[in-house]
Amino acid sequence: MTLHAQNIASENNAYSVRLGAGYADSHDLGEILTGYADQYEKRTSVINLDAGWRFSENPGGGPFDWYLKGGISYYNENGYADNILEMNVYVKVYWKIDFLQNRVRLGFGEGLSLANGIPIVEVDDAEGHPTSKFLNYLDISADFDLGRLIRVESLRDIYLGYTLKHRSGIFGLFKRVHGGSNYNMLTIEKNF
C-alpha cells in the first residue's frame, strides 16, 4: 500500500460542487475531533452548498490540492429562532491518499463566515457573552472517491464523506466572541 499521490488518471477537474446536510453538535471542536459527538439538545440543523476552484494541484510534487471555495448555508433553527442564511469564503487544502486504486482525502479549510442571524447554538454557547454574525470559519473533512471504490467510471470524482462545519470567534479575536458552533455533516462532492 502506498500513501502518496498516484496519477490514477488525468486530474483535469479544476472545479467542485458539494452538497451537505447535518446537525448542530453540543461539543466543542476539540472534543468532536477526538471522537465525542452528541446532537445539540434543540436539534437544529444545516444544509450547505459549496463550490470551489482548484488553484494549485500537487505543488512541489506533494499529494495536496489547494482550492478557493465559497458557499451558502441554511440553518434550520427548529422554531427556537428565525432560520438563518450564511455565506462563507475560504481556502481549503486536500491531502490525497491513494492506495489499491482508491482515493481518500483529508481536508482542512479556513476562511470567513457571515450570517444574517446568530444560530441559537451559538447564543447558548456564549452564555450571555458577545456573539457575532461575522466569524472565523473552519471546514474539516474526510471523504472517499465513490467511483474508484466501486470501480464505476461514471461515478469517478464523486466524493462521499463527513465534514465538520465550524464557526467561532477564535478565543476572542473576532469581536471578543469566545464561543461558536459546530455542525456534523454528511456530504457529497463532485469534481468536474
N, C-alpha and C. Protein backbone atom coordinates (compact mmCIF):
# COMPACT_ATOMS: atom_id res chain seq x y z
N MET A 1 0.85 -1.18 0.00
CA MET A 1 0.00 0.00 0.00
C MET A 1 0.89 1.23 0.00
N THR A 2 0.61 2.19 -0.89
CA THR A 2 1.36 3.43 -0.92
C THR A 2 0.46 4.57 -0.50
N LEU A 3 1.03 5.51 0.25
CA LEU A 3 0.28 6.67 0.70
C LEU A 3 0.85 7.92 0.05
N HIS A 4 0.81 7.96 -1.24
CA HIS A 4 1.26 9.13 -1.98
C HIS A 4 0.29 9.40 -3.12
N ALA A 5 0.49 10.53 -3.75
CA ALA A 5 -0.42 10.92 -4.82
C ALA A 5 -0.07 10.15 -6.09
N GLN A 6 -0.86 9.15 -6.43
CA GLN A 6 -0.70 8.42 -7.67
C GLN A 6 -1.52 9.13 -8.74
N ASN A 7 -1.02 9.14 -9.95
CA ASN A 7 -1.81 9.67 -11.03
C ASN A 7 -2.60 8.51 -11.64
N ILE A 8 -3.72 8.17 -11.02
CA ILE A 8 -4.54 7.06 -11.49
C ILE A 8 -5.11 7.39 -12.86
N ALA A 9 -5.50 8.62 -13.06
CA ALA A 9 -6.00 9.09 -14.35
C ALA A 9 -5.74 10.58 -14.43
N SER A 10 -5.98 11.15 -15.55
CA SER A 10 -5.79 12.58 -15.72
C SER A 10 -6.63 13.36 -14.73
N GLU A 11 -6.00 14.26 -14.02
CA GLU A 11 -6.70 15.05 -13.00
C GLU A 11 -7.00 16.45 -13.56
N ASN A 12 -7.90 16.52 -14.50
CA ASN A 12 -8.24 17.79 -15.14
C ASN A 12 -9.41 18.50 -14.49
N ASN A 13 -9.92 18.00 -13.40
CA ASN A 13 -11.13 18.53 -12.78
C ASN A 13 -10.79 19.66 -11.82
N ALA A 14 -10.83 20.89 -12.31
CA ALA A 14 -10.41 22.04 -11.51
C ALA A 14 -11.54 22.66 -10.70
N TYR A 15 -12.77 22.17 -10.85
CA TYR A 15 -13.92 22.76 -10.14
C TYR A 15 -14.62 21.71 -9.31
N SER A 16 -15.34 22.18 -8.29
CA SER A 16 -16.08 21.24 -7.44
C SER A 16 -17.37 21.89 -6.97
N VAL A 17 -18.36 21.04 -6.71
CA VAL A 17 -19.63 21.44 -6.09
C VAL A 17 -19.92 20.41 -5.01
N ARG A 18 -20.29 20.90 -3.82
CA ARG A 18 -20.55 20.00 -2.70
C ARG A 18 -21.88 20.35 -2.03
N LEU A 19 -22.65 19.32 -1.74
CA LEU A 19 -23.90 19.45 -1.01
C LEU A 19 -23.75 18.70 0.31
N GLY A 20 -24.16 19.34 1.40
CA GLY A 20 -24.04 18.70 2.71
C GLY A 20 -25.25 19.01 3.57
N ALA A 21 -25.50 18.13 4.52
CA ALA A 21 -26.57 18.34 5.49
C ALA A 21 -26.14 17.70 6.80
N GLY A 22 -26.54 18.32 7.90
CA GLY A 22 -26.16 17.77 9.19
C GLY A 22 -26.82 18.48 10.35
N TYR A 23 -26.32 18.19 11.53
CA TYR A 23 -26.93 18.68 12.76
C TYR A 23 -25.90 19.40 13.63
N ALA A 24 -26.41 20.30 14.49
CA ALA A 24 -25.57 21.00 15.44
C ALA A 24 -25.12 20.03 16.52
N ASP A 25 -23.87 20.20 16.94
CA ASP A 25 -23.30 19.35 17.98
C ASP A 25 -23.13 20.17 19.26
N SER A 26 -23.34 19.54 20.40
CA SER A 26 -23.23 20.24 21.68
C SER A 26 -21.79 20.31 22.19
N HIS A 27 -20.86 19.58 21.56
CA HIS A 27 -19.47 19.58 21.99
C HIS A 27 -18.67 20.66 21.28
N ASP A 28 -17.49 20.97 21.82
CA ASP A 28 -16.63 21.94 21.15
C ASP A 28 -15.76 21.23 20.11
N LEU A 29 -15.03 22.00 19.35
CA LEU A 29 -14.25 21.48 18.23
C LEU A 29 -13.27 20.39 18.66
N GLY A 30 -12.52 20.63 19.71
CA GLY A 30 -11.54 19.66 20.17
C GLY A 30 -12.17 18.35 20.58
N GLU A 31 -13.29 18.41 21.26
CA GLU A 31 -13.98 17.19 21.68
C GLU A 31 -14.46 16.38 20.48
N ILE A 32 -15.02 17.07 19.48
CA ILE A 32 -15.51 16.37 18.29
C ILE A 32 -14.36 15.70 17.54
N LEU A 33 -13.23 16.40 17.42
CA LEU A 33 -12.08 15.84 16.71
C LEU A 33 -11.46 14.65 17.43
N THR A 34 -11.74 14.51 18.72
CA THR A 34 -11.23 13.35 19.47
C THR A 34 -12.30 12.28 19.67
N GLY A 35 -13.41 12.39 18.93
CA GLY A 35 -14.38 11.31 18.91
C GLY A 35 -15.64 11.49 19.73
N TYR A 36 -15.79 12.65 20.36
CA TYR A 36 -17.00 12.89 21.15
C TYR A 36 -17.97 13.73 20.33
N ALA A 37 -19.11 13.18 20.02
CA ALA A 37 -20.13 13.90 19.27
C ALA A 37 -21.48 13.62 19.90
N ASP A 38 -22.31 14.64 19.95
CA ASP A 38 -23.64 14.49 20.53
C ASP A 38 -24.52 15.60 19.95
N GLN A 39 -25.67 15.24 19.46
CA GLN A 39 -26.56 16.22 18.87
C GLN A 39 -26.99 17.24 19.91
N TYR A 40 -26.94 18.50 19.52
CA TYR A 40 -27.38 19.61 20.35
C TYR A 40 -28.84 19.40 20.75
N GLU A 41 -29.17 19.68 21.99
CA GLU A 41 -30.49 19.35 22.55
C GLU A 41 -31.66 19.98 21.80
N LYS A 42 -31.45 21.13 21.14
CA LYS A 42 -32.54 21.78 20.42
C LYS A 42 -32.68 21.25 18.99
N ARG A 43 -31.84 20.32 18.63
CA ARG A 43 -31.93 19.57 17.37
C ARG A 43 -31.99 20.48 16.13
N THR A 44 -31.16 21.51 16.13
CA THR A 44 -31.08 22.39 14.96
C THR A 44 -30.20 21.72 13.90
N SER A 45 -30.32 22.19 12.66
CA SER A 45 -29.63 21.54 11.56
C SER A 45 -29.19 22.55 10.51
N VAL A 46 -28.44 22.06 9.52
CA VAL A 46 -27.92 22.92 8.45
C VAL A 46 -27.95 22.16 7.13
N ILE A 47 -28.18 22.90 6.05
CA ILE A 47 -27.99 22.41 4.68
C ILE A 47 -27.00 23.37 4.04
N ASN A 48 -26.02 22.83 3.33
CA ASN A 48 -24.92 23.64 2.81
C ASN A 48 -24.65 23.31 1.35
N LEU A 49 -24.39 24.33 0.55
CA LEU A 49 -23.97 24.17 -0.84
C LEU A 49 -22.70 24.99 -1.03
N ASP A 50 -21.63 24.32 -1.44
CA ASP A 50 -20.33 24.97 -1.68
C ASP A 50 -19.89 24.73 -3.11
N ALA A 51 -19.11 25.66 -3.63
CA ALA A 51 -18.46 25.49 -4.93
C ALA A 51 -17.00 25.89 -4.77
N GLY A 52 -16.14 25.28 -5.57
CA GLY A 52 -14.73 25.58 -5.44
C GLY A 52 -13.98 25.55 -6.75
N TRP A 53 -12.81 26.17 -6.73
CA TRP A 53 -11.89 26.22 -7.86
C TRP A 53 -10.50 25.82 -7.36
N ARG A 54 -9.94 24.76 -7.97
CA ARG A 54 -8.60 24.32 -7.59
C ARG A 54 -7.58 25.24 -8.24
N PHE A 55 -6.82 25.96 -7.41
CA PHE A 55 -5.83 26.87 -7.96
C PHE A 55 -4.41 26.31 -7.90
N SER A 56 -4.22 25.17 -7.23
CA SER A 56 -2.91 24.53 -7.20
C SER A 56 -3.09 23.03 -7.02
N GLU A 57 -2.46 22.26 -7.91
CA GLU A 57 -2.54 20.80 -7.85
C GLU A 57 -1.15 20.22 -7.64
N ASN A 58 -0.98 19.42 -6.60
CA ASN A 58 0.28 18.74 -6.29
C ASN A 58 1.50 19.67 -6.31
N PRO A 59 1.44 20.82 -5.59
CA PRO A 59 2.59 21.72 -5.62
C PRO A 59 3.84 21.03 -5.08
N GLY A 60 4.95 21.21 -5.76
CA GLY A 60 6.20 20.59 -5.35
C GLY A 60 6.19 19.08 -5.45
N GLY A 61 5.20 18.52 -6.16
CA GLY A 61 5.10 17.08 -6.30
C GLY A 61 4.42 16.39 -5.13
N GLY A 62 3.94 17.14 -4.16
CA GLY A 62 3.27 16.57 -3.00
C GLY A 62 1.82 16.22 -3.29
N PRO A 63 1.19 15.42 -2.43
CA PRO A 63 -0.18 14.95 -2.67
C PRO A 63 -1.26 15.92 -2.18
N PHE A 64 -1.11 17.20 -2.48
CA PHE A 64 -2.03 18.20 -1.96
C PHE A 64 -2.67 19.01 -3.09
N ASP A 65 -3.95 19.28 -2.94
CA ASP A 65 -4.66 20.19 -3.84
C ASP A 65 -5.18 21.36 -3.01
N TRP A 66 -5.04 22.56 -3.57
CA TRP A 66 -5.50 23.79 -2.91
C TRP A 66 -6.68 24.36 -3.67
N TYR A 67 -7.74 24.71 -2.95
CA TYR A 67 -8.97 25.25 -3.54
C TYR A 67 -9.34 26.57 -2.90
N LEU A 68 -9.95 27.43 -3.70
CA LEU A 68 -10.67 28.59 -3.20
C LEU A 68 -12.13 28.20 -3.25
N LYS A 69 -12.84 28.30 -2.11
CA LYS A 69 -14.22 27.83 -2.03
C LYS A 69 -15.11 28.90 -1.45
N GLY A 70 -16.37 28.82 -1.82
CA GLY A 70 -17.40 29.69 -1.25
C GLY A 70 -18.70 28.92 -1.18
N GLY A 71 -19.56 29.35 -0.27
CA GLY A 71 -20.80 28.61 -0.14
C GLY A 71 -21.88 29.38 0.57
N ILE A 72 -23.03 28.76 0.60
CA ILE A 72 -24.18 29.31 1.30
C ILE A 72 -24.80 28.19 2.13
N SER A 73 -25.23 28.53 3.32
CA SER A 73 -25.82 27.55 4.23
C SER A 73 -27.16 28.06 4.74
N TYR A 74 -28.07 27.13 4.94
CA TYR A 74 -29.38 27.42 5.51
C TYR A 74 -29.46 26.70 6.85
N TYR A 75 -29.61 27.49 7.92
CA TYR A 75 -29.71 26.94 9.27
C TYR A 75 -31.17 26.84 9.68
N ASN A 76 -31.63 25.62 9.96
CA ASN A 76 -32.97 25.39 10.47
C ASN A 76 -32.89 25.46 11.99
N GLU A 77 -33.48 26.51 12.55
CA GLU A 77 -33.39 26.76 13.99
C GLU A 77 -34.48 26.04 14.77
N ASN A 78 -35.24 25.19 14.11
CA ASN A 78 -36.21 24.30 14.75
C ASN A 78 -37.22 25.04 15.65
N GLY A 79 -37.57 26.27 15.25
CA GLY A 79 -38.57 27.04 15.98
C GLY A 79 -38.03 27.83 17.16
N TYR A 80 -36.77 27.68 17.52
CA TYR A 80 -36.19 28.40 18.65
C TYR A 80 -35.78 29.82 18.27
N ALA A 81 -35.61 30.09 16.99
CA ALA A 81 -35.25 31.42 16.47
C ALA A 81 -35.59 31.41 14.99
N ASP A 82 -35.46 32.57 14.36
CA ASP A 82 -35.66 32.65 12.91
C ASP A 82 -34.58 31.82 12.21
N ASN A 83 -34.94 31.16 11.13
CA ASN A 83 -33.96 30.43 10.34
C ASN A 83 -32.96 31.40 9.73
N ILE A 84 -31.78 30.93 9.43
CA ILE A 84 -30.65 31.81 9.11
C ILE A 84 -30.01 31.39 7.79
N LEU A 85 -29.53 32.37 7.04
CA LEU A 85 -28.68 32.14 5.87
C LEU A 85 -27.27 32.59 6.20
N GLU A 86 -26.30 31.84 5.73
CA GLU A 86 -24.89 32.16 5.97
C GLU A 86 -24.14 32.06 4.66
N MET A 87 -23.19 32.95 4.46
CA MET A 87 -22.27 32.87 3.33
C MET A 87 -20.87 32.71 3.89
N ASN A 88 -20.06 31.89 3.21
CA ASN A 88 -18.68 31.77 3.64
C ASN A 88 -17.76 31.72 2.44
N VAL A 89 -16.54 32.12 2.67
CA VAL A 89 -15.48 32.03 1.67
C VAL A 89 -14.24 31.53 2.41
N TYR A 90 -13.52 30.59 1.77
CA TYR A 90 -12.38 30.01 2.48
C TYR A 90 -11.41 29.36 1.50
N VAL A 91 -10.21 29.11 1.99
CA VAL A 91 -9.20 28.37 1.25
C VAL A 91 -9.12 26.99 1.88
N LYS A 92 -9.11 25.94 1.05
CA LYS A 92 -9.09 24.58 1.57
C LYS A 92 -8.01 23.77 0.90
N VAL A 93 -7.29 22.99 1.70
CA VAL A 93 -6.28 22.08 1.19
C VAL A 93 -6.77 20.65 1.42
N TYR A 94 -6.59 19.81 0.40
CA TYR A 94 -6.90 18.39 0.49
C TYR A 94 -5.61 17.60 0.41
N TRP A 95 -5.43 16.68 1.35
CA TRP A 95 -4.34 15.71 1.29
C TRP A 95 -4.93 14.46 0.67
N LYS A 96 -4.42 14.09 -0.50
CA LYS A 96 -4.92 12.93 -1.25
C LYS A 96 -4.11 11.70 -0.87
N ILE A 97 -4.79 10.67 -0.41
CA ILE A 97 -4.14 9.42 -0.04
C ILE A 97 -4.64 8.34 -0.99
N ASP A 98 -3.76 7.88 -1.86
CA ASP A 98 -4.12 6.87 -2.86
C ASP A 98 -3.56 5.52 -2.44
N PHE A 99 -4.39 4.49 -2.51
CA PHE A 99 -3.96 3.14 -2.18
C PHE A 99 -4.90 2.15 -2.87
N LEU A 100 -4.35 1.05 -3.36
CA LEU A 100 -5.13 -0.01 -4.01
C LEU A 100 -6.15 0.55 -5.01
N GLN A 101 -5.75 1.53 -5.78
CA GLN A 101 -6.58 2.19 -6.79
C GLN A 101 -7.78 2.93 -6.19
N ASN A 102 -7.70 3.29 -4.92
CA ASN A 102 -8.73 4.08 -4.26
C ASN A 102 -8.13 5.42 -3.85
N ARG A 103 -9.01 6.35 -3.51
CA ARG A 103 -8.55 7.65 -3.02
C ARG A 103 -9.38 8.08 -1.82
N VAL A 104 -8.67 8.49 -0.77
CA VAL A 104 -9.27 9.13 0.39
C VAL A 104 -8.67 10.53 0.47
N ARG A 105 -9.49 11.51 0.85
CA ARG A 105 -8.99 12.87 1.00
C ARG A 105 -9.27 13.33 2.43
N LEU A 106 -8.28 13.98 3.02
CA LEU A 106 -8.45 14.67 4.28
C LEU A 106 -8.33 16.16 3.97
N GLY A 107 -9.31 16.95 4.41
CA GLY A 107 -9.34 18.35 4.04
C GLY A 107 -9.38 19.28 5.23
N PHE A 108 -8.75 20.45 5.07
CA PHE A 108 -8.80 21.49 6.08
C PHE A 108 -8.95 22.83 5.38
N GLY A 109 -10.01 23.57 5.73
CA GLY A 109 -10.24 24.87 5.16
C GLY A 109 -10.41 25.92 6.23
N GLU A 110 -9.98 27.15 5.91
CA GLU A 110 -10.17 28.27 6.84
C GLU A 110 -10.55 29.50 6.05
N GLY A 111 -11.47 30.28 6.64
CA GLY A 111 -11.91 31.50 5.99
C GLY A 111 -12.83 32.30 6.87
N LEU A 112 -13.83 32.90 6.24
CA LEU A 112 -14.74 33.82 6.93
C LEU A 112 -16.18 33.40 6.72
N SER A 113 -17.01 33.67 7.73
CA SER A 113 -18.43 33.35 7.70
C SER A 113 -19.22 34.60 8.07
N LEU A 114 -20.26 34.88 7.27
CA LEU A 114 -21.17 35.99 7.56
C LEU A 114 -22.60 35.46 7.47
N ALA A 115 -23.34 35.58 8.57
CA ALA A 115 -24.71 35.10 8.64
C ALA A 115 -25.66 36.27 8.86
N ASN A 116 -26.93 36.09 8.49
CA ASN A 116 -27.90 37.16 8.71
C ASN A 116 -28.56 37.06 10.08
N GLY A 117 -28.09 36.15 10.90
CA GLY A 117 -28.55 35.98 12.27
C GLY A 117 -27.51 35.15 13.01
N ILE A 118 -27.79 34.91 14.28
CA ILE A 118 -26.86 34.13 15.09
C ILE A 118 -27.53 32.82 15.48
N PRO A 119 -26.97 31.68 15.06
CA PRO A 119 -27.58 30.40 15.39
C PRO A 119 -27.79 30.24 16.89
N ILE A 120 -28.92 29.66 17.28
CA ILE A 120 -29.27 29.51 18.69
C ILE A 120 -28.21 28.71 19.44
N VAL A 121 -27.55 27.77 18.78
CA VAL A 121 -26.49 27.01 19.44
C VAL A 121 -25.33 27.93 19.84
N GLU A 122 -25.06 28.98 19.05
CA GLU A 122 -24.01 29.94 19.40
C GLU A 122 -24.46 30.84 20.55
N VAL A 123 -25.73 31.22 20.54
CA VAL A 123 -26.27 32.03 21.64
C VAL A 123 -26.16 31.25 22.95
N ASP A 124 -26.55 29.99 22.93
CA ASP A 124 -26.48 29.16 24.14
C ASP A 124 -25.03 28.96 24.57
N ASP A 125 -24.12 28.74 23.61
CA ASP A 125 -22.72 28.53 23.92
C ASP A 125 -22.09 29.78 24.54
N ALA A 126 -22.54 30.95 24.12
CA ALA A 126 -21.97 32.21 24.61
C ALA A 126 -22.34 32.49 26.06
N GLU A 127 -23.46 31.95 26.53
CA GLU A 127 -23.92 32.15 27.91
C GLU A 127 -23.88 33.62 28.31
N GLY A 128 -24.44 34.49 27.46
CA GLY A 128 -24.51 35.91 27.77
C GLY A 128 -23.33 36.73 27.32
N HIS A 129 -22.27 36.12 26.85
CA HIS A 129 -21.11 36.85 26.34
C HIS A 129 -21.38 37.28 24.90
N PRO A 130 -20.51 38.12 24.32
CA PRO A 130 -20.75 38.62 22.96
C PRO A 130 -20.87 37.51 21.92
N THR A 131 -21.72 37.76 20.93
CA THR A 131 -21.87 36.91 19.75
C THR A 131 -21.71 37.80 18.53
N SER A 132 -21.59 37.20 17.36
CA SER A 132 -21.42 38.00 16.16
C SER A 132 -21.92 37.23 14.94
N LYS A 133 -22.44 37.98 13.96
CA LYS A 133 -22.83 37.39 12.69
C LYS A 133 -21.60 37.10 11.82
N PHE A 134 -20.51 37.81 12.06
CA PHE A 134 -19.28 37.69 11.28
C PHE A 134 -18.24 36.96 12.13
N LEU A 135 -17.83 35.76 11.70
CA LEU A 135 -16.89 34.94 12.48
C LEU A 135 -15.89 34.22 11.57
N ASN A 136 -14.90 33.62 12.21
CA ASN A 136 -13.97 32.74 11.52
C ASN A 136 -14.70 31.47 11.11
N TYR A 137 -14.25 30.85 10.02
CA TYR A 137 -14.89 29.63 9.53
C TYR A 137 -13.84 28.56 9.31
N LEU A 138 -14.13 27.34 9.81
CA LEU A 138 -13.29 26.17 9.54
C LEU A 138 -14.14 25.09 8.88
N ASP A 139 -13.52 24.35 7.97
CA ASP A 139 -14.17 23.27 7.26
C ASP A 139 -13.20 22.09 7.27
N ILE A 140 -13.51 21.06 8.07
CA ILE A 140 -12.61 19.92 8.24
C ILE A 140 -13.34 18.69 7.71
N SER A 141 -12.69 17.94 6.81
CA SER A 141 -13.42 16.87 6.14
C SER A 141 -12.57 15.62 5.92
N ALA A 142 -13.28 14.52 5.73
CA ALA A 142 -12.68 13.25 5.30
C ALA A 142 -13.67 12.62 4.33
N ASP A 143 -13.21 12.24 3.14
CA ASP A 143 -14.11 11.64 2.16
C ASP A 143 -13.37 10.65 1.27
N PHE A 144 -14.12 9.92 0.46
CA PHE A 144 -13.52 8.94 -0.44
C PHE A 144 -14.18 9.04 -1.80
N ASP A 145 -13.42 8.67 -2.84
CA ASP A 145 -13.89 8.69 -4.22
C ASP A 145 -14.77 7.46 -4.45
N LEU A 146 -16.06 7.67 -4.62
CA LEU A 146 -17.02 6.58 -4.77
C LEU A 146 -16.73 5.76 -6.03
N GLY A 147 -16.46 6.43 -7.15
CA GLY A 147 -16.22 5.72 -8.41
C GLY A 147 -15.02 4.82 -8.36
N ARG A 148 -13.95 5.27 -7.74
CA ARG A 148 -12.75 4.44 -7.62
C ARG A 148 -13.02 3.25 -6.70
N LEU A 149 -13.78 3.47 -5.63
CA LEU A 149 -14.03 2.40 -4.67
C LEU A 149 -14.84 1.25 -5.29
N ILE A 150 -15.91 1.60 -6.01
CA ILE A 150 -16.76 0.54 -6.56
C ILE A 150 -16.46 0.25 -8.03
N ARG A 151 -15.42 0.91 -8.56
CA ARG A 151 -14.94 0.66 -9.92
C ARG A 151 -16.00 0.95 -10.98
N VAL A 152 -16.67 2.10 -10.82
CA VAL A 152 -17.65 2.58 -11.80
C VAL A 152 -17.15 3.93 -12.32
N GLU A 153 -16.69 3.93 -13.55
CA GLU A 153 -16.05 5.12 -14.12
C GLU A 153 -16.96 6.35 -14.11
N SER A 154 -18.27 6.16 -14.33
CA SER A 154 -19.19 7.30 -14.37
C SER A 154 -19.34 7.97 -13.00
N LEU A 155 -18.94 7.30 -11.92
CA LEU A 155 -19.02 7.87 -10.57
C LEU A 155 -17.67 8.38 -10.07
N ARG A 156 -16.66 8.30 -10.92
CA ARG A 156 -15.33 8.77 -10.56
C ARG A 156 -15.37 10.27 -10.25
N ASP A 157 -14.60 10.68 -9.27
CA ASP A 157 -14.53 12.07 -8.81
C ASP A 157 -15.82 12.54 -8.15
N ILE A 158 -16.61 11.60 -7.65
CA ILE A 158 -17.71 11.92 -6.75
C ILE A 158 -17.28 11.43 -5.38
N TYR A 159 -17.21 12.36 -4.44
CA TYR A 159 -16.68 12.06 -3.11
C TYR A 159 -17.80 12.07 -2.08
N LEU A 160 -17.87 11.00 -1.28
CA LEU A 160 -18.79 10.90 -0.16
C LEU A 160 -17.99 11.02 1.12
N GLY A 161 -18.55 11.74 2.11
CA GLY A 161 -17.78 11.85 3.33
C GLY A 161 -18.46 12.62 4.44
N TYR A 162 -17.62 13.01 5.37
CA TYR A 162 -18.00 13.73 6.58
C TYR A 162 -17.31 15.08 6.59
N THR A 163 -18.04 16.13 7.02
CA THR A 163 -17.46 17.45 7.18
C THR A 163 -17.88 18.02 8.52
N LEU A 164 -16.92 18.60 9.22
CA LEU A 164 -17.19 19.35 10.43
C LEU A 164 -17.19 20.83 10.05
N LYS A 165 -18.34 21.46 10.18
CA LYS A 165 -18.53 22.88 9.83
C LYS A 165 -18.46 23.68 11.13
N HIS A 166 -17.52 24.60 11.22
CA HIS A 166 -17.22 25.28 12.48
C HIS A 166 -17.19 26.80 12.29
N ARG A 167 -17.93 27.50 13.13
CA ARG A 167 -17.87 28.98 13.21
C ARG A 167 -17.42 29.34 14.61
N SER A 168 -16.48 30.29 14.72
CA SER A 168 -16.06 30.71 16.06
C SER A 168 -15.38 32.07 16.01
N GLY A 169 -15.20 32.63 17.19
CA GLY A 169 -14.51 33.91 17.34
C GLY A 169 -13.03 33.76 17.60
N ILE A 170 -12.49 32.56 17.50
CA ILE A 170 -11.07 32.25 17.75
C ILE A 170 -10.63 32.85 19.09
N PHE A 171 -11.29 32.43 20.14
CA PHE A 171 -10.94 32.84 21.51
C PHE A 171 -10.89 34.35 21.67
N GLY A 172 -11.86 35.04 21.07
CA GLY A 172 -11.99 36.48 21.26
C GLY A 172 -11.38 37.35 20.19
N LEU A 173 -10.73 36.79 19.17
CA LEU A 173 -10.13 37.61 18.12
C LEU A 173 -11.17 38.29 17.24
N PHE A 174 -12.35 37.68 17.10
CA PHE A 174 -13.43 38.28 16.33
C PHE A 174 -14.44 38.89 17.30
N LYS A 175 -14.43 40.22 17.42
CA LYS A 175 -15.42 40.96 18.21
C LYS A 175 -15.58 40.41 19.62
N ARG A 176 -14.48 39.94 20.21
CA ARG A 176 -14.46 39.42 21.58
C ARG A 176 -15.33 38.17 21.76
N VAL A 177 -15.68 37.50 20.67
CA VAL A 177 -16.51 36.29 20.74
C VAL A 177 -15.63 35.11 21.14
N HIS A 178 -16.02 34.42 22.21
CA HIS A 178 -15.26 33.26 22.68
C HIS A 178 -15.95 31.95 22.35
N GLY A 179 -17.18 31.98 21.90
CA GLY A 179 -17.92 30.76 21.59
C GLY A 179 -18.00 30.52 20.10
N GLY A 180 -18.93 29.64 19.73
CA GLY A 180 -19.11 29.32 18.33
C GLY A 180 -20.07 28.16 18.16
N SER A 181 -19.99 27.52 17.01
CA SER A 181 -20.89 26.39 16.73
C SER A 181 -20.17 25.36 15.88
N ASN A 182 -20.64 24.13 15.99
CA ASN A 182 -20.12 23.00 15.22
C ASN A 182 -21.30 22.22 14.66
N TYR A 183 -21.18 21.84 13.38
CA TYR A 183 -22.20 21.04 12.72
C TYR A 183 -21.52 19.84 12.07
N ASN A 184 -22.03 18.65 12.36
CA ASN A 184 -21.57 17.42 11.73
C ASN A 184 -22.39 17.19 10.47
N MET A 185 -21.73 17.13 9.32
CA MET A 185 -22.45 16.99 8.06
C MET A 185 -22.00 15.77 7.27
N LEU A 186 -22.95 15.12 6.60
CA LEU A 186 -22.66 14.17 5.55
C LEU A 186 -22.63 14.95 4.25
N THR A 187 -21.66 14.68 3.40
CA THR A 187 -21.51 15.47 2.19
C THR A 187 -21.30 14.60 0.97
N ILE A 188 -21.67 15.15 -0.18
CA ILE A 188 -21.37 14.56 -1.48
C ILE A 188 -20.80 15.68 -2.34
N GLU A 189 -19.65 15.42 -2.94
CA GLU A 189 -18.96 16.45 -3.72
C GLU A 189 -18.61 15.88 -5.09
N LYS A 190 -18.80 16.69 -6.12
CA LYS A 190 -18.47 16.30 -7.49
C LYS A 190 -17.39 17.22 -8.01
N ASN A 191 -16.31 16.64 -8.48
CA ASN A 191 -15.25 17.39 -9.15
C ASN A 191 -15.48 17.28 -10.66
N PHE A 192 -15.32 18.38 -11.36
CA PHE A 192 -15.52 18.39 -12.80
C PHE A 192 -14.61 19.38 -13.48
